[in-house]
Amino acid sequence: MLTIKRLTIDDISLLKPISSASLVGEDVLLRIGRGGFALGYVPLQRAEWRDFPPAADADPYAVLSDERCALFAAFEDGLLVGAASLRVHPATRWAEVTDLRVEAAHRRQGVGRNLLDFCERLALKRGMHGLKLACTDTNPALCQFCEHCGFTLAGVDSKALAYTDAERDKPLSRRAALLTFYKPIQKG
């Protein structure tokens, strides 16, 4: 049975690294039209493993020691199978999901959706407009998950990741862009 728990600093021992690798079989294709941004997906000739390490600001100690943040963990029969960190931004009134991870063996079983539901409840309780989530266009599974969960693509930043040597060495057409998704909270 799946259990979601909001962690405290005393629960830090319950955490363990969750795999950051994902098998990717398609690339994200960004289209811009009159209605705004739209994502399409183009199959790769051969599936490849890609690594999506946690964001620097998703360190569990930092998240748990900041009163604007929350860390939710999903457990299946006592084993950690997923986690989500959330940061509330009172000035913008949006709650940002700074990291969302699910163990590969437990993906597509509702774990990520349940973690997002807990994030949304906390955002609603704190009077936020909704959830914000950013990911790269090299992570089509997360892009599709966001769309499936009711998020709308609202921003594309092709320079946000350009500071890394790995990205600067790639041809312009292969450089990763940061995609920002929003999901307003339905109140009432």
Foldseek 3Di string as FASTA:
>chain_A
DKDKDWDAPVCPVQDDDAFQKDWDFWFWDWDQDPVGIDIDIGGDPDIDIDGDDADPCVPPVNQNVDPQKIKMFMDDPSHTFWIWMWGADVVQLEIETRDIGGHPVCPPVCPRVVNLVVNQVVSVVVRGQFYKYKDKSRPVVVVVVCVVSAWDWDDKAQCPPCPDPVQVPDPSVPHIIMIMITHTDDDD
